[in-house]
Structure formats: C-alpha cells, structure tokens
C-alpha cells in the first residue's frame, strides 16, 4: 500500500489539476514555487505545463 506522504506523479503530466492536493504538491516541487504562486499561475496562464513554465519564467 502506498504511503500517503509520497509525492504522486500525475496521471497527465501535461496538465495541472489544482483540485488534487497531491498533484498541487507535486507541481509546486517540480516548478519550485509556492502553492499560492502555482494557483496564481494557473489562474493566469491555464493548466498546461508548458504554458505555466513560460509564465513562471522557467527554462
């Protein structure tokens, strides 16, 4: 049985589901941003990973 504290890799690694707290934890670590920053980015740029990377100014 998986440990609930493990970071779960999203089923869709191209889109961010901010309603899933495990995914939010994964993506905040992946992008290196706070949850608030991730949610602001999603609200502004949408849920597509590459759009968020550009919005956040990441390579």
Protein backbone atom coordinates (compact mmCIF):
# COMPACT_ATOMS: atom_id res chain seq x y z
CA UNK A 1 0.00 0.00 0.00
CA UNK A 2 1.45 3.40 -0.95
CA UNK A 3 2.36 5.84 1.77
CA UNK A 4 0.03 8.88 1.77
CA UNK A 5 3.01 11.17 2.29
CA UNK A 6 4.58 10.13 -1.03
CA UNK A 7 4.53 12.58 -3.91
CA UNK A 8 2.26 11.13 -6.54
CA UNK A 9 3.22 11.66 -10.17
CA UNK A 10 0.16 12.97 -12.01
CA UNK A 11 -1.60 10.70 -14.49
CA UNK A 12 -1.47 13.54 -17.04
CA UNK A 13 1.97 15.13 -16.88
CA UNK A 14 0.99 17.86 -19.37
CA UNK A 15 -1.82 19.44 -17.33
CA UNK A 16 -2.09 20.53 -13.73
CA UNK A 17 -5.18 19.63 -11.69
CA UNK A 18 -5.27 22.16 -8.84
CA UNK A 19 -8.26 20.39 -7.28
CA UNK A 20 -6.00 17.43 -6.41
CA UNK A 21 -3.79 18.37 -3.45
CA UNK A 22 -1.27 15.60 -4.18
CA UNK A 23 -0.84 16.99 -7.69
CA UNK A 24 -0.51 20.52 -6.34
CA UNK A 25 2.28 19.28 -4.05
CA UNK A 26 3.98 17.54 -6.99
CA UNK A 27 3.81 20.59 -9.26
CA UNK A 28 4.95 23.07 -6.60
CA UNK A 29 8.07 20.96 -6.13
CA UNK A 30 8.53 20.43 -9.87
CA UNK A 31 8.30 24.16 -10.64
CA UNK A 32 9.99 25.21 -7.38
CA UNK A 33 7.19 27.61 -6.43
CA UNK A 34 4.75 28.04 -3.57
CA UNK A 35 1.19 26.74 -3.76
CA UNK A 36 -0.08 30.32 -3.94
CA UNK A 37 2.25 31.09 -6.86
CA UNK A 38 1.17 27.92 -8.68
CA UNK A 39 -2.51 28.74 -8.23
CA UNK A 40 -1.95 32.32 -9.44
CA UNK A 41 -0.09 31.00 -12.47
CA UNK A 42 -2.87 28.52 -13.28
CA UNK A 43 -5.48 31.28 -12.95
CA UNK A 44 -3.49 33.46 -15.35
CA UNK A 45 -1.94 31.01 -17.81
CA UNK A 46 -4.17 27.93 -17.64
CA UNK A 47 -3.37 24.35 -16.70
CA UNK A 48 -0.94 23.32 -19.44
CA UNK A 49 2.53 22.58 -18.04
CA UNK A 50 4.48 24.35 -20.80
CA UNK A 51 2.31 27.48 -20.60
CA UNK A 52 2.90 27.59 -16.85
CA UNK A 53 6.64 27.08 -17.27
CA UNK A 54 6.75 30.09 -19.62
CA UNK A 55 4.51 32.16 -17.35
CA UNK A 56 6.76 31.40 -14.38
CA UNK A 57 9.85 32.35 -16.39
CA UNK A 58 11.44 28.93 -16.16
CA UNK A 59 13.68 27.34 -18.83
